[in-house]
């Protein structure tokens, strides 16, 4: 169940989705700091437990040489 309120949410990222721990309507991109509305969140790292604003940012962040 997803809760909603103004402000950042706290999530646990899994391989097929995420679980919302605290109410909020967005998370921040781990690289750019850009707010990502939960309904638009598509890219994250289960290992790093962080969200990304775009596939380009996720690809760069998760590249093997990092």
N, C-alpha and C. Protein backbone atom coordinates (compact mmCIF):
# COMPACT_ATOMS: atom_id res chain seq x y z
N UNK A 1 0.85 -1.19 0.00
CA UNK A 1 0.00 0.00 0.00
C UNK A 1 0.88 1.24 0.00
N UNK A 2 0.63 2.16 -0.92
CA UNK A 2 1.40 3.39 -0.99
C UNK A 2 0.65 4.51 -0.30
N UNK A 3 1.35 5.18 0.59
CA UNK A 3 0.78 6.32 1.29
C UNK A 3 1.21 7.58 0.55
N UNK A 4 0.51 8.67 0.75
CA UNK A 4 0.89 9.89 0.06
C UNK A 4 0.73 11.09 0.97
N UNK A 5 1.69 11.97 0.91
CA UNK A 5 1.63 13.27 1.55
C UNK A 5 2.73 14.11 0.94
N UNK A 6 2.69 15.38 1.13
CA UNK A 6 3.74 16.23 0.59
C UNK A 6 5.03 15.97 1.35
N UNK A 7 6.14 15.87 0.61
CA UNK A 7 7.44 15.64 1.22
C UNK A 7 8.04 14.34 0.75
N UNK A 8 9.30 14.12 1.10
CA UNK A 8 9.99 12.90 0.65
C UNK A 8 9.53 11.66 1.41
N UNK A 9 9.45 10.57 0.68
CA UNK A 9 9.11 9.27 1.27
C UNK A 9 10.41 8.52 1.55
N UNK A 10 10.35 7.57 2.46
CA UNK A 10 11.47 6.66 2.69
C UNK A 10 11.06 5.30 2.16
N UNK A 11 11.90 4.71 1.30
CA UNK A 11 11.56 3.46 0.63
C UNK A 11 12.62 2.40 0.87
N UNK A 12 12.20 1.14 0.73
CA UNK A 12 13.12 0.02 0.60
C UNK A 12 12.95 -0.48 -0.82
N UNK A 13 14.06 -0.52 -1.57
CA UNK A 13 14.03 -0.91 -2.97
C UNK A 13 14.28 -2.39 -3.12
N UNK A 14 13.40 -3.08 -3.82
CA UNK A 14 13.54 -4.50 -4.09
C UNK A 14 13.72 -4.73 -5.58
N UNK A 15 13.95 -5.98 -5.98
CA UNK A 15 14.20 -6.28 -7.39
C UNK A 15 13.00 -6.04 -8.30
N UNK A 16 11.79 -6.09 -7.77
CA UNK A 16 10.59 -5.95 -8.60
C UNK A 16 9.70 -4.79 -8.17
N UNK A 17 10.17 -3.97 -7.26
CA UNK A 17 9.36 -2.87 -6.77
C UNK A 17 9.96 -2.29 -5.51
N UNK A 18 9.21 -1.45 -4.87
CA UNK A 18 9.69 -0.84 -3.64
C UNK A 18 8.59 -0.88 -2.58
N UNK A 19 9.02 -0.77 -1.33
CA UNK A 19 8.09 -0.73 -0.20
C UNK A 19 8.25 0.62 0.48
N UNK A 20 7.15 1.28 0.73
CA UNK A 20 7.17 2.60 1.33
C UNK A 20 7.16 2.47 2.85
N UNK A 21 8.20 3.05 3.49
CA UNK A 21 8.32 3.00 4.95
C UNK A 21 7.71 4.22 5.62
N UNK A 22 7.88 5.38 4.99
CA UNK A 22 7.29 6.61 5.54
C UNK A 22 6.52 7.33 4.44
N UNK A 23 5.48 8.01 4.84
CA UNK A 23 4.63 8.72 3.89
C UNK A 23 5.40 9.80 3.16
N UNK A 24 5.04 10.01 1.92
CA UNK A 24 5.65 11.04 1.10
C UNK A 24 5.18 10.87 -0.33
N UNK A 25 5.45 11.87 -1.15
CA UNK A 25 4.99 11.79 -2.54
C UNK A 25 6.14 11.73 -3.53
N UNK A 26 7.39 11.73 -3.02
CA UNK A 26 8.54 11.66 -3.91
C UNK A 26 9.77 11.15 -3.16
N UNK A 27 10.81 10.83 -3.93
CA UNK A 27 12.14 10.56 -3.39
C UNK A 27 13.11 11.44 -4.16
N UNK A 28 14.33 11.55 -3.68
CA UNK A 28 15.34 12.35 -4.36
C UNK A 28 16.30 11.45 -5.11
N UNK A 29 16.67 11.88 -6.31
CA UNK A 29 17.67 11.16 -7.10
C UNK A 29 18.99 11.19 -6.34
N UNK A 30 19.64 10.03 -6.19
CA UNK A 30 20.89 9.91 -5.45
C UNK A 30 22.04 10.66 -6.11
N UNK A 31 21.93 10.93 -7.39
CA UNK A 31 23.01 11.60 -8.13
C UNK A 31 22.73 13.09 -8.31
N UNK A 32 21.56 13.43 -8.80
CA UNK A 32 21.25 14.83 -9.14
C UNK A 32 20.52 15.59 -8.04
N UNK A 33 19.92 14.86 -7.10
CA UNK A 33 19.12 15.51 -6.06
C UNK A 33 17.74 15.92 -6.53
N UNK A 34 17.42 15.62 -7.78
CA UNK A 34 16.12 15.97 -8.37
C UNK A 34 15.01 15.17 -7.71
N UNK A 35 13.88 15.82 -7.35
CA UNK A 35 12.75 15.07 -6.80
C UNK A 35 12.12 14.18 -7.87
N UNK A 36 11.79 12.95 -7.49
CA UNK A 36 11.15 11.99 -8.41
C UNK A 36 9.80 11.61 -7.79
N UNK A 37 8.69 12.00 -8.42
CA UNK A 37 7.38 11.58 -7.90
C UNK A 37 7.31 10.04 -7.86
N UNK A 38 6.74 9.48 -6.83
CA UNK A 38 6.70 8.02 -6.69
C UNK A 38 6.03 7.36 -7.88
N UNK A 39 5.02 8.00 -8.47
CA UNK A 39 4.33 7.38 -9.60
C UNK A 39 5.21 7.35 -10.86
N UNK A 40 6.31 8.11 -10.87
CA UNK A 40 7.23 8.13 -12.01
C UNK A 40 8.55 7.40 -11.71
N UNK A 41 8.71 6.88 -10.52
CA UNK A 41 9.95 6.21 -10.13
C UNK A 41 10.08 4.88 -10.88
N UNK A 42 11.11 4.77 -11.71
CA UNK A 42 11.34 3.58 -12.52
C UNK A 42 12.73 2.99 -12.34
N UNK A 43 13.69 3.78 -11.84
CA UNK A 43 15.08 3.34 -11.80
C UNK A 43 15.62 3.44 -10.38
N UNK A 44 16.18 2.32 -9.88
CA UNK A 44 16.80 2.30 -8.56
C UNK A 44 17.78 1.15 -8.48
N UNK A 45 18.59 1.18 -7.43
CA UNK A 45 19.53 0.09 -7.17
C UNK A 45 19.13 -0.61 -5.89
N UNK A 46 18.92 -1.91 -5.99
CA UNK A 46 18.61 -2.71 -4.81
C UNK A 46 19.85 -2.76 -3.92
N UNK A 47 21.01 -2.98 -4.52
CA UNK A 47 22.26 -3.09 -3.76
C UNK A 47 22.61 -1.79 -3.04
N UNK A 48 22.51 -0.67 -3.73
CA UNK A 48 22.87 0.62 -3.14
C UNK A 48 21.71 1.27 -2.39
N UNK A 49 20.49 0.77 -2.59
CA UNK A 49 19.28 1.33 -1.98
C UNK A 49 19.17 2.82 -2.27
N UNK A 50 19.23 3.17 -3.57
CA UNK A 50 19.08 4.56 -3.97
C UNK A 50 18.31 4.64 -5.28
N UNK A 51 17.66 5.79 -5.48
CA UNK A 51 16.82 6.03 -6.66
C UNK A 51 17.54 6.92 -7.65
N UNK A 52 17.13 6.80 -8.93
CA UNK A 52 17.73 7.59 -10.01
C UNK A 52 16.62 8.22 -10.85
N UNK A 53 16.87 9.44 -11.31
CA UNK A 53 15.86 10.20 -12.04
C UNK A 53 15.68 9.73 -13.48
N UNK A 54 16.68 9.07 -14.06
CA UNK A 54 16.57 8.65 -15.46
C UNK A 54 17.39 7.39 -15.69
N UNK A 55 17.14 6.75 -16.84
CA UNK A 55 17.92 5.56 -17.17
C UNK A 55 19.37 5.93 -17.44
N UNK A 56 19.62 7.12 -17.98
CA UNK A 56 21.00 7.56 -18.23
C UNK A 56 21.77 7.72 -16.92
N UNK A 57 21.14 8.33 -15.94
CA UNK A 57 21.79 8.51 -14.64
C UNK A 57 22.04 7.15 -14.00
N UNK A 58 21.06 6.26 -14.04
CA UNK A 58 21.22 4.93 -13.46
C UNK A 58 22.34 4.16 -14.14
N UNK A 59 22.39 4.21 -15.47
CA UNK A 59 23.42 3.51 -16.23
C UNK A 59 24.81 4.01 -15.85
N UNK A 60 24.96 5.33 -15.76
CA UNK A 60 26.25 5.91 -15.40
C UNK A 60 26.65 5.51 -13.96
N UNK A 61 25.70 5.62 -13.05
CA UNK A 61 25.97 5.33 -11.63
C UNK A 61 26.32 3.86 -11.42
N UNK A 62 25.67 2.97 -12.17
CA UNK A 62 25.83 1.54 -11.95
C UNK A 62 26.84 0.88 -12.90
N UNK A 63 27.54 1.70 -13.69
CA UNK A 63 28.55 1.16 -14.60
C UNK A 63 29.60 0.37 -13.81
N UNK A 64 30.08 -0.75 -14.35
CA UNK A 64 31.02 -1.61 -13.62
C UNK A 64 32.29 -0.92 -13.16
N UNK A 65 32.73 0.13 -13.84
CA UNK A 65 33.98 0.79 -13.46
C UNK A 65 33.82 1.79 -12.34
N UNK A 66 32.65 1.85 -11.70
CA UNK A 66 32.43 2.80 -10.60
C UNK A 66 32.68 2.17 -9.29
